[in-house]
């Protein structure tokens, strides 16, 4: 790697993290799918003199969809990671191991990644599911300062959000 000319942007790093952490029994290949889409798209563009005809444009759009689909899937997988981490922190509430800062960090990462779906007009997360997802996540983490019943209810909504993502992304 040439540190002065090569750059790994956030989406690529995120996809690689999810691929690395995926289960051996069900590995993901978000990095590979995005990379292959970029290479195929750039090859098509470079090998075409002048404007793309309709057939080439459709092919280029399929490469675009492959790239965006891989990134969005990696973001969804990252959300599942942060849902699981938030649930783990919530499980430690009331114990000496509970760390509010770590809990809030995991939740805010989750909420931040959840915002990405609004920017893809062909997102696997429908507009109604997007609204539902954010309603489930809420505007702030439920933490030790909340009643036990609120914590229990919020755990259930996080599991519902995780299932929503699972349904959207298979």
N, C-alpha and C. Protein backbone atom coordinates (compact mmCIF):
# COMPACT_ATOMS: atom_id res chain seq x y z
N UNK A 1 0.85 -1.17 0.00
CA UNK A 1 0.00 0.00 0.00
C UNK A 1 0.89 1.23 0.00
N UNK A 2 0.60 2.16 -0.90
CA UNK A 2 1.29 3.43 -0.95
C UNK A 2 0.50 4.41 -0.09
N UNK A 3 1.04 4.78 1.05
CA UNK A 3 0.32 5.63 2.00
C UNK A 3 0.07 7.04 1.47
N UNK A 4 0.76 7.42 0.38
CA UNK A 4 0.56 8.76 -0.17
C UNK A 4 -0.47 8.78 -1.30
N UNK A 5 -0.81 7.61 -1.85
CA UNK A 5 -1.73 7.63 -2.99
C UNK A 5 -2.92 6.69 -2.86
N UNK A 6 -2.86 5.72 -1.98
CA UNK A 6 -3.96 4.77 -1.83
C UNK A 6 -4.78 5.10 -0.59
N UNK A 7 -6.08 5.06 -0.76
CA UNK A 7 -6.98 5.42 0.33
C UNK A 7 -8.07 4.36 0.43
N UNK A 8 -8.40 3.97 1.64
CA UNK A 8 -9.57 3.14 1.88
C UNK A 8 -10.61 4.03 2.54
N UNK A 9 -11.72 4.22 1.85
CA UNK A 9 -12.76 5.07 2.38
C UNK A 9 -13.64 4.29 3.34
N UNK A 10 -14.47 5.02 4.08
CA UNK A 10 -15.28 4.45 5.14
C UNK A 10 -16.11 3.26 4.73
N UNK A 11 -16.78 3.34 3.57
CA UNK A 11 -17.64 2.24 3.15
C UNK A 11 -16.83 0.96 2.93
N UNK A 12 -15.64 1.09 2.35
CA UNK A 12 -14.80 -0.08 2.11
C UNK A 12 -14.31 -0.68 3.43
N UNK A 13 -13.92 0.17 4.33
CA UNK A 13 -13.45 -0.29 5.64
C UNK A 13 -14.59 -0.98 6.38
N UNK A 14 -15.75 -0.37 6.34
CA UNK A 14 -16.91 -0.94 7.03
C UNK A 14 -17.26 -2.32 6.45
N UNK A 15 -17.27 -2.43 5.12
CA UNK A 15 -17.59 -3.72 4.49
C UNK A 15 -16.56 -4.78 4.89
N UNK A 16 -15.28 -4.39 4.92
CA UNK A 16 -14.23 -5.33 5.30
C UNK A 16 -14.39 -5.80 6.74
N UNK A 17 -14.77 -4.89 7.64
CA UNK A 17 -15.00 -5.27 9.03
C UNK A 17 -16.12 -6.31 9.14
N UNK A 18 -17.19 -6.09 8.41
CA UNK A 18 -18.31 -7.03 8.47
C UNK A 18 -17.92 -8.37 7.85
N UNK A 19 -17.18 -8.34 6.75
CA UNK A 19 -16.73 -9.60 6.14
C UNK A 19 -15.83 -10.37 7.09
N UNK A 20 -14.90 -9.67 7.72
CA UNK A 20 -13.96 -10.30 8.64
C UNK A 20 -14.68 -10.93 9.83
N UNK A 21 -15.72 -10.25 10.31
CA UNK A 21 -16.42 -10.72 11.51
C UNK A 21 -17.57 -11.68 11.20
N UNK A 22 -17.83 -11.94 9.91
CA UNK A 22 -18.96 -12.82 9.59
C UNK A 22 -18.66 -14.26 9.97
N UNK A 23 -19.71 -14.99 10.20
CA UNK A 23 -19.58 -16.38 10.63
C UNK A 23 -19.02 -17.24 9.51
N UNK A 24 -18.16 -18.19 9.87
CA UNK A 24 -17.61 -19.11 8.88
C UNK A 24 -18.71 -19.88 8.16
N UNK A 25 -19.78 -20.17 8.87
CA UNK A 25 -20.89 -20.93 8.28
C UNK A 25 -21.72 -20.09 7.31
N UNK A 26 -21.59 -18.78 7.40
CA UNK A 26 -22.37 -17.89 6.54
C UNK A 26 -21.56 -16.62 6.27
N UNK A 27 -20.44 -16.76 5.55
CA UNK A 27 -19.58 -15.60 5.35
C UNK A 27 -20.21 -14.57 4.40
N UNK A 28 -19.92 -13.33 4.68
CA UNK A 28 -20.35 -12.27 3.76
C UNK A 28 -19.19 -11.93 2.84
N UNK A 29 -19.52 -11.30 1.75
CA UNK A 29 -18.49 -10.86 0.80
C UNK A 29 -18.83 -9.47 0.27
N UNK A 30 -19.19 -8.58 1.18
CA UNK A 30 -19.56 -7.22 0.80
C UNK A 30 -18.40 -6.52 0.08
N UNK A 31 -17.18 -6.68 0.59
CA UNK A 31 -16.01 -6.05 -0.02
C UNK A 31 -15.81 -6.53 -1.44
N UNK A 32 -15.86 -7.82 -1.61
CA UNK A 32 -15.67 -8.43 -2.94
C UNK A 32 -16.75 -7.97 -3.91
N UNK A 33 -18.00 -7.97 -3.46
CA UNK A 33 -19.10 -7.57 -4.34
C UNK A 33 -18.96 -6.12 -4.77
N UNK A 34 -18.63 -5.24 -3.84
CA UNK A 34 -18.46 -3.82 -4.19
C UNK A 34 -17.26 -3.63 -5.11
N UNK A 35 -16.15 -4.26 -4.78
CA UNK A 35 -14.94 -4.12 -5.58
C UNK A 35 -15.16 -4.62 -7.01
N UNK A 36 -15.76 -5.77 -7.14
CA UNK A 36 -16.01 -6.31 -8.48
C UNK A 36 -16.96 -5.42 -9.28
N UNK A 37 -17.93 -4.81 -8.60
CA UNK A 37 -18.83 -3.88 -9.28
C UNK A 37 -18.08 -2.65 -9.77
N UNK A 38 -17.18 -2.12 -8.94
CA UNK A 38 -16.39 -0.96 -9.35
C UNK A 38 -15.49 -1.31 -10.53
N UNK A 39 -14.81 -2.43 -10.46
CA UNK A 39 -13.90 -2.81 -11.55
C UNK A 39 -14.67 -3.03 -12.84
N UNK A 40 -15.77 -3.75 -12.78
CA UNK A 40 -16.56 -4.00 -13.99
C UNK A 40 -17.13 -2.71 -14.56
N UNK A 41 -17.60 -1.82 -13.70
CA UNK A 41 -18.14 -0.55 -14.17
C UNK A 41 -17.06 0.31 -14.81
N UNK A 42 -15.90 0.41 -14.16
CA UNK A 42 -14.80 1.21 -14.73
C UNK A 42 -14.30 0.59 -16.03
N UNK A 43 -14.25 -0.73 -16.11
CA UNK A 43 -13.82 -1.39 -17.34
C UNK A 43 -14.79 -1.07 -18.48
N UNK A 44 -16.08 -1.13 -18.18
CA UNK A 44 -17.09 -0.81 -19.19
C UNK A 44 -16.94 0.63 -19.67
N UNK A 45 -16.80 1.56 -18.74
CA UNK A 45 -16.66 2.97 -19.11
C UNK A 45 -15.40 3.19 -19.94
N UNK A 46 -14.29 2.60 -19.50
CA UNK A 46 -13.01 2.80 -20.19
C UNK A 46 -13.00 2.17 -21.59
N UNK A 47 -13.76 1.13 -21.78
CA UNK A 47 -13.75 0.43 -23.08
C UNK A 47 -14.79 0.97 -24.05
N UNK A 48 -15.55 1.97 -23.64
CA UNK A 48 -16.59 2.52 -24.49
C UNK A 48 -16.14 3.87 -25.04
N UNK A 49 -16.15 3.99 -26.37
CA UNK A 49 -15.82 5.26 -27.01
C UNK A 49 -17.11 6.08 -27.11
N UNK A 50 -17.07 7.29 -26.60
CA UNK A 50 -18.25 8.15 -26.68
C UNK A 50 -19.29 7.79 -25.65
N UNK A 51 -20.55 8.09 -25.98
CA UNK A 51 -21.68 7.85 -25.08
C UNK A 51 -21.99 6.36 -24.97
N UNK A 52 -22.49 5.96 -23.82
CA UNK A 52 -22.94 4.58 -23.63
C UNK A 52 -24.27 4.40 -24.35
N UNK A 53 -24.41 3.28 -25.06
CA UNK A 53 -25.73 2.99 -25.64
C UNK A 53 -26.63 2.44 -24.53
N UNK A 54 -27.89 2.20 -24.86
CA UNK A 54 -28.85 1.76 -23.85
C UNK A 54 -28.44 0.46 -23.18
N UNK A 55 -27.92 -0.47 -23.95
CA UNK A 55 -27.49 -1.76 -23.39
C UNK A 55 -26.33 -1.57 -22.41
N UNK A 56 -25.35 -0.76 -22.81
CA UNK A 56 -24.20 -0.51 -21.94
C UNK A 56 -24.63 0.26 -20.69
N UNK A 57 -25.57 1.19 -20.86
CA UNK A 57 -26.06 1.94 -19.72
C UNK A 57 -26.75 1.03 -18.72
N UNK A 58 -27.54 0.09 -19.22
CA UNK A 58 -28.19 -0.89 -18.33
C UNK A 58 -27.16 -1.73 -17.59
N UNK A 59 -26.12 -2.12 -18.30
CA UNK A 59 -25.05 -2.90 -17.67
C UNK A 59 -24.35 -2.08 -16.59
N UNK A 60 -24.07 -0.81 -16.89
CA UNK A 60 -23.42 0.06 -15.92
C UNK A 60 -24.32 0.25 -14.69
N UNK A 61 -25.61 0.40 -14.92
CA UNK A 61 -26.54 0.54 -13.79
C UNK A 61 -26.57 -0.72 -12.94
N UNK A 62 -26.41 -1.88 -13.56
CA UNK A 62 -26.39 -3.12 -12.76
C UNK A 62 -25.13 -3.16 -11.89
N UNK A 63 -24.01 -2.65 -12.42
CA UNK A 63 -22.78 -2.58 -11.60
C UNK A 63 -22.98 -1.59 -10.45
N UNK A 64 -23.62 -0.46 -10.75
CA UNK A 64 -23.91 0.51 -9.70
C UNK A 64 -24.76 -0.14 -8.61
N UNK A 65 -25.79 -0.86 -9.01
CA UNK A 65 -26.68 -1.50 -8.04
C UNK A 65 -25.94 -2.54 -7.21
N UNK A 66 -24.98 -3.23 -7.83
CA UNK A 66 -24.19 -4.22 -7.10
C UNK A 66 -23.35 -3.53 -6.02
N UNK A 67 -22.74 -2.41 -6.37
CA UNK A 67 -21.90 -1.67 -5.42
C UNK A 67 -22.75 -1.12 -4.27
N UNK A 68 -23.81 -0.43 -4.62
CA UNK A 68 -24.66 0.19 -3.60
C UNK A 68 -25.31 -0.88 -2.73
N UNK A 69 -25.71 -1.99 -3.35
CA UNK A 69 -26.30 -3.09 -2.58
C UNK A 69 -25.32 -3.68 -1.58
N UNK A 70 -24.06 -3.82 -2.01
CA UNK A 70 -23.04 -4.36 -1.09
C UNK A 70 -22.80 -3.39 0.06
N UNK A 71 -22.70 -2.11 -0.24
CA UNK A 71 -22.48 -1.12 0.82
C UNK A 71 -23.66 -1.08 1.78
N UNK A 72 -24.87 -1.04 1.21
CA UNK A 72 -26.04 -0.96 2.08
C UNK A 72 -26.18 -2.21 2.94
N UNK A 73 -25.87 -3.36 2.37
CA UNK A 73 -25.91 -4.61 3.15
C UNK A 73 -24.88 -4.57 4.27
N UNK A 74 -23.70 -4.02 3.97
CA UNK A 74 -22.67 -3.89 5.01
C UNK A 74 -23.13 -2.93 6.10
N UNK A 75 -23.82 -1.86 5.73
CA UNK A 75 -24.35 -0.94 6.73
C UNK A 75 -25.41 -1.63 7.58
N UNK A 76 -26.27 -2.41 6.95
CA UNK A 76 -27.29 -3.14 7.71
C UNK A 76 -26.63 -4.14 8.67
N UNK A 77 -25.62 -4.83 8.19
CA UNK A 77 -24.89 -5.78 9.05
C UNK A 77 -24.22 -5.04 10.21
N UNK A 78 -23.74 -3.85 9.94
CA UNK A 78 -23.13 -3.03 11.00
C UNK A 78 -24.18 -2.64 12.02
N UNK A 79 -25.37 -2.32 11.55
CA UNK A 79 -26.46 -2.01 12.49
C UNK A 79 -26.77 -3.20 13.38
N UNK A 80 -26.81 -4.39 12.79
CA UNK A 80 -27.05 -5.59 13.59
C UNK A 80 -25.95 -5.74 14.64
N UNK A 81 -24.71 -5.49 14.23
CA UNK A 81 -23.59 -5.53 15.17
C UNK A 81 -23.84 -4.58 16.35
N UNK A 82 -24.25 -3.35 16.04
CA UNK A 82 -24.46 -2.37 17.11
C UNK A 82 -25.74 -2.63 17.91
N UNK A 83 -26.74 -3.24 17.30
CA UNK A 83 -27.90 -3.67 18.08
C UNK A 83 -27.45 -4.70 19.10
N UNK A 84 -26.68 -5.68 18.64
CA UNK A 84 -26.18 -6.72 19.55
C UNK A 84 -25.31 -6.12 20.66
N UNK A 85 -24.47 -5.16 20.29
CA UNK A 85 -23.60 -4.53 21.28
C UNK A 85 -24.41 -3.72 22.29
N UNK A 86 -25.42 -3.00 21.80
CA UNK A 86 -26.29 -2.24 22.70
C UNK A 86 -27.01 -3.17 23.66
N UNK A 87 -27.52 -4.27 23.14
CA UNK A 87 -28.19 -5.25 24.00
C UNK A 87 -27.23 -5.82 25.05
N UNK A 88 -25.99 -6.04 24.63
CA UNK A 88 -24.98 -6.55 25.57
C UNK A 88 -24.74 -5.54 26.69
N UNK A 89 -24.61 -4.27 26.34
CA UNK A 89 -24.41 -3.23 27.36
C UNK A 89 -25.62 -3.14 28.27
N UNK A 90 -26.82 -3.24 27.69
CA UNK A 90 -28.03 -3.18 28.51
C UNK A 90 -28.09 -4.35 29.48
N UNK A 91 -27.55 -5.50 29.07
CA UNK A 91 -27.53 -6.67 29.94
C UNK A 91 -26.64 -6.47 31.16
N UNK A 92 -25.72 -5.52 31.07
CA UNK A 92 -24.81 -5.26 32.19
C UNK A 92 -25.33 -4.16 33.12
N UNK A 93 -26.48 -3.57 32.79
CA UNK A 93 -27.04 -2.51 33.66
C UNK A 93 -27.23 -3.08 35.06
N UNK A 94 -26.81 -2.31 36.03
CA UNK A 94 -26.95 -2.73 37.43
C UNK A 94 -25.77 -3.52 37.94
N UNK A 95 -24.77 -3.75 37.09
CA UNK A 95 -23.58 -4.48 37.51
C UNK A 95 -22.38 -3.53 37.48
N UNK A 96 -21.30 -3.91 38.15
CA UNK A 96 -20.09 -3.05 38.10
C UNK A 96 -19.49 -2.95 36.69
N UNK A 97 -19.84 -3.90 35.82
CA UNK A 97 -19.29 -3.90 34.47
C UNK A 97 -19.99 -2.91 33.55
N UNK A 98 -21.14 -2.39 33.98
CA UNK A 98 -21.89 -1.47 33.12
C UNK A 98 -21.08 -0.20 32.84
N UNK A 99 -20.99 0.15 31.56
CA UNK A 99 -20.24 1.31 31.12
C UNK A 99 -21.17 2.16 30.25
N UNK A 100 -21.71 3.23 30.84
CA UNK A 100 -22.66 4.05 30.10
C UNK A 100 -22.04 4.64 28.84
N UNK A 101 -20.80 5.09 28.90
CA UNK A 101 -20.17 5.70 27.73
C UNK A 101 -20.09 4.71 26.57
N UNK A 102 -19.72 3.47 26.87
CA UNK A 102 -19.66 2.44 25.83
C UNK A 102 -21.05 2.13 25.30
N UNK A 103 -22.02 2.08 26.19
CA UNK A 103 -23.41 1.84 25.82
C UNK A 103 -23.90 2.95 24.89
N UNK A 104 -23.68 4.19 25.26
CA UNK A 104 -24.11 5.33 24.45
C UNK A 104 -23.39 5.36 23.11
N UNK A 105 -22.13 4.98 23.10
CA UNK A 105 -21.37 4.95 21.85
C UNK A 105 -21.95 3.91 20.90
N UNK A 106 -22.22 2.72 21.39
CA UNK A 106 -22.80 1.66 20.55
C UNK A 106 -24.15 2.10 20.00
N UNK A 107 -24.98 2.67 20.87
CA UNK A 107 -26.30 3.11 20.42
C UNK A 107 -26.19 4.22 19.38
N UNK A 108 -25.29 5.19 19.58
CA UNK A 108 -25.18 6.30 18.63
C UNK A 108 -24.63 5.83 17.29
N UNK A 109 -23.73 4.85 17.30
CA UNK A 109 -23.27 4.26 16.04
C UNK A 109 -24.44 3.61 15.31
N UNK A 110 -25.26 2.88 16.05
CA UNK A 110 -26.45 2.24 15.50
C UNK A 110 -27.36 3.28 14.86
N UNK A 111 -27.66 4.33 15.58
CA UNK A 111 -28.57 5.36 15.07
C UNK A 111 -27.98 6.05 13.85
N UNK A 112 -26.69 6.32 13.88
CA UNK A 112 -26.02 6.97 12.75
C UNK A 112 -26.09 6.13 11.48
N UNK A 113 -25.81 4.84 11.61
CA UNK A 113 -25.88 3.97 10.43
C UNK A 113 -27.32 3.84 9.93
N UNK A 114 -28.28 3.92 10.82
CA UNK A 114 -29.68 3.81 10.42
C UNK A 114 -30.11 4.96 9.52
N UNK A 115 -29.42 6.07 9.60
CA UNK A 115 -29.76 7.23 8.76
C UNK A 115 -29.40 7.03 7.29
N UNK A 116 -28.48 6.11 7.01
CA UNK A 116 -27.97 5.98 5.64
C UNK A 116 -29.02 5.54 4.62
N UNK A 117 -30.02 4.81 5.04
CA UNK A 117 -30.97 4.25 4.08
C UNK A 117 -31.78 5.32 3.35
N UNK A 118 -31.90 6.51 3.94
CA UNK A 118 -32.68 7.57 3.30
C UNK A 118 -32.02 8.09 2.03
N UNK A 119 -30.75 7.81 1.84
CA UNK A 119 -30.02 8.36 0.70
C UNK A 119 -29.99 7.46 -0.52
N UNK A 120 -30.58 6.29 -0.43
CA UNK A 120 -30.62 5.37 -1.56
C UNK A 120 -32.06 5.24 -2.04
N UNK A 121 -32.38 5.79 -3.20
CA UNK A 121 -33.77 5.71 -3.68
C UNK A 121 -34.21 4.28 -3.99
N UNK A 122 -33.27 3.35 -4.09
CA UNK A 122 -33.59 1.94 -4.36
C UNK A 122 -33.24 1.07 -3.14
N UNK A 123 -33.31 1.66 -1.97
CA UNK A 123 -32.93 0.95 -0.75
C UNK A 123 -33.78 -0.29 -0.52
N UNK A 124 -33.16 -1.29 0.07
CA UNK A 124 -33.90 -2.49 0.48
C UNK A 124 -34.83 -2.18 1.64
N UNK A 125 -34.60 -1.06 2.32
CA UNK A 125 -35.46 -0.62 3.42
C UNK A 125 -36.49 0.34 2.82
N UNK A 126 -37.73 -0.09 2.80
CA UNK A 126 -38.80 0.75 2.24
C UNK A 126 -38.97 2.01 3.07
N UNK A 127 -39.68 2.97 2.52
CA UNK A 127 -39.91 4.22 3.23
C UNK A 127 -40.67 3.97 4.55
N UNK A 128 -41.65 3.09 4.49
CA UNK A 128 -42.41 2.80 5.72
C UNK A 128 -41.54 2.05 6.74
N UNK A 129 -40.70 1.13 6.26
CA UNK A 129 -39.80 0.43 7.18
C UNK A 129 -38.74 1.37 7.75
N UNK A 130 -38.32 2.35 6.94
CA UNK A 130 -37.36 3.34 7.43
C UNK A 130 -37.95 4.10 8.61
N UNK A 131 -39.19 4.54 8.45
CA UNK A 131 -39.87 5.26 9.53
C UNK A 131 -40.04 4.37 10.75
N UNK A 132 -40.43 3.12 10.51
CA UNK A 132 -40.63 2.18 11.61
C UNK A 132 -39.30 1.91 12.34
N UNK A 133 -38.23 1.74 11.56
CA UNK A 133 -36.92 1.49 12.14
C UNK A 133 -36.53 2.60 13.11
N UNK A 134 -36.71 3.84 12.68
CA UNK A 134 -36.33 4.96 13.54
C UNK A 134 -37.26 5.11 14.73
N UNK A 135 -38.51 4.74 14.56
CA UNK A 135 -39.43 4.74 15.70
C UNK A 135 -38.99 3.68 16.72
N UNK A 136 -38.55 2.54 16.24
CA UNK A 136 -38.09 1.48 17.14
C UNK A 136 -36.82 1.89 17.88
N UNK A 137 -35.89 2.52 17.17
CA UNK A 137 -34.62 2.91 17.79
C UNK A 137 -34.80 4.06 18.76
N UNK A 138 -35.74 4.94 18.48
CA UNK A 138 -35.96 6.10 19.34
C UNK A 138 -34.91 7.17 19.12
N UNK A 139 -34.91 8.14 20.02
CA UNK A 139 -34.02 9.29 19.89
C UNK A 139 -32.85 9.29 20.86
N UNK A 140 -32.84 8.35 21.76
CA UNK A 140 -31.76 8.26 22.75
C UNK A 140 -31.74 6.84 23.31
N UNK A 141 -30.59 6.40 23.80
CA UNK A 141 -30.53 5.05 24.36
C UNK A 141 -31.32 4.95 25.67
N UNK A 142 -31.90 3.80 25.87
CA UNK A 142 -32.52 3.49 27.16
C UNK A 142 -31.39 2.92 28.03
N UNK A 143 -31.21 3.48 29.21
CA UNK A 143 -30.04 3.14 30.02
C UNK A 143 -30.44 2.92 31.49
N UNK A 144 -29.44 2.92 32.34
CA UNK A 144 -29.65 2.60 33.76
C UNK A 144 -30.60 3.58 34.45
N UNK A 145 -30.76 4.76 33.92
CA UNK A 145 -31.66 5.74 34.52
C UNK A 145 -33.12 5.48 34.22
N UNK A 146 -33.41 4.51 33.39
CA UNK A 146 -34.79 4.17 33.04
C UNK A 146 -35.28 3.00 33.90
N UNK A 147 -36.58 2.93 34.04
CA UNK A 147 -37.20 1.84 34.80
C UNK A 147 -36.89 0.49 34.13
N UNK A 148 -36.88 -0.55 34.93
CA UNK A 148 -36.60 -1.90 34.40
C UNK A 148 -37.60 -2.28 33.32
N UNK A 149 -38.85 -1.88 33.48
CA UNK A 149 -39.87 -2.22 32.46
C UNK A 149 -39.58 -1.52 31.14
N UNK A 150 -39.05 -0.29 31.20
CA UNK A 150 -38.67 0.42 29.97
C UNK A 150 -37.48 -0.27 29.30
N UNK A 151 -36.55 -0.72 30.11
CA UNK A 151 -35.38 -1.42 29.57
C UNK A 151 -35.81 -2.71 28.89
N UNK A 152 -36.70 -3.45 29.52
CA UNK A 152 -37.19 -4.71 28.95
C UNK A 152 -37.93 -4.45 27.64
N UNK A 153 -38.78 -3.44 27.62
CA UNK A 153 -39.54 -3.11 26.42
C UNK A 153 -38.60 -2.67 25.30
N UNK A 154 -37.57 -1.91 25.66
CA UNK A 154 -36.64 -1.44 24.63
C UNK A 154 -35.82 -2.59 24.05
N UNK A 155 -35.46 -3.54 24.87
CA UNK A 155 -34.75 -4.72 24.35
C UNK A 155 -35.60 -5.39 23.27
N UNK A 156 -36.89 -5.49 23.54
CA UNK A 156 -37.80 -6.11 22.56
C UNK A 156 -37.87 -5.29 21.28
N UNK A 157 -37.84 -3.96 21.38
CA UNK A 157 -37.90 -3.14 20.16
C UNK A 157 -36.60 -3.25 19.37
N UNK A 158 -35.47 -3.40 20.08
CA UNK A 158 -34.21 -3.61 19.36
C UNK A 158 -34.23 -4.94 18.60
N UNK A 159 -34.79 -5.95 19.20
CA UNK A 159 -34.91 -7.24 18.51
C UNK A 159 -35.84 -7.12 17.31
N UNK A 160 -36.88 -6.32 17.44
CA UNK A 160 -37.79 -6.08 16.31
C UNK A 160 -37.07 -5.32 15.20
N UNK A 161 -36.25 -4.35 15.56
CA UNK A 161 -35.47 -3.61 14.56
C UNK A 161 -34.50 -4.55 13.85
N UNK A 162 -33.88 -5.44 14.61
CA UNK A 162 -32.95 -6.41 14.02
C UNK A 162 -33.68 -7.33 13.05
N UNK A 163 -34.88 -7.76 13.41
CA UNK A 163 -35.69 -8.60 12.52
C UNK A 163 -36.11 -7.84 11.26
N UNK A 164 -36.43 -6.57 11.40
CA UNK A 164 -36.78 -5.74 10.25
C UNK A 164 -35.62 -5.70 9.26
N UNK A 165 -34.42 -5.51 9.76
CA UNK A 165 -33.25 -5.51 8.89
C UNK A 165 -33.03 -6.88 8.25
N UNK A 166 -33.22 -7.92 9.05
CA UNK A 166 -33.07 -9.28 8.52
C UNK A 166 -34.05 -9.55 7.39
N UNK A 167 -35.27 -9.09 7.55
CA UNK A 167 -36.27 -9.27 6.50
C UNK A 167 -35.93 -8.46 5.24
N UNK A 168 -35.45 -7.24 5.43
CA UNK A 168 -35.14 -6.37 4.30
C UNK A 168 -33.94 -6.88 3.51
N UNK A 169 -32.96 -7.45 4.20
CA UNK A 169 -31.71 -7.83 3.55
C UNK A 169 -31.51 -9.34 3.44
N UNK A 170 -32.49 -10.10 3.89
CA UNK A 170 -32.38 -11.55 3.75
C UNK A 170 -31.34 -12.13 4.67
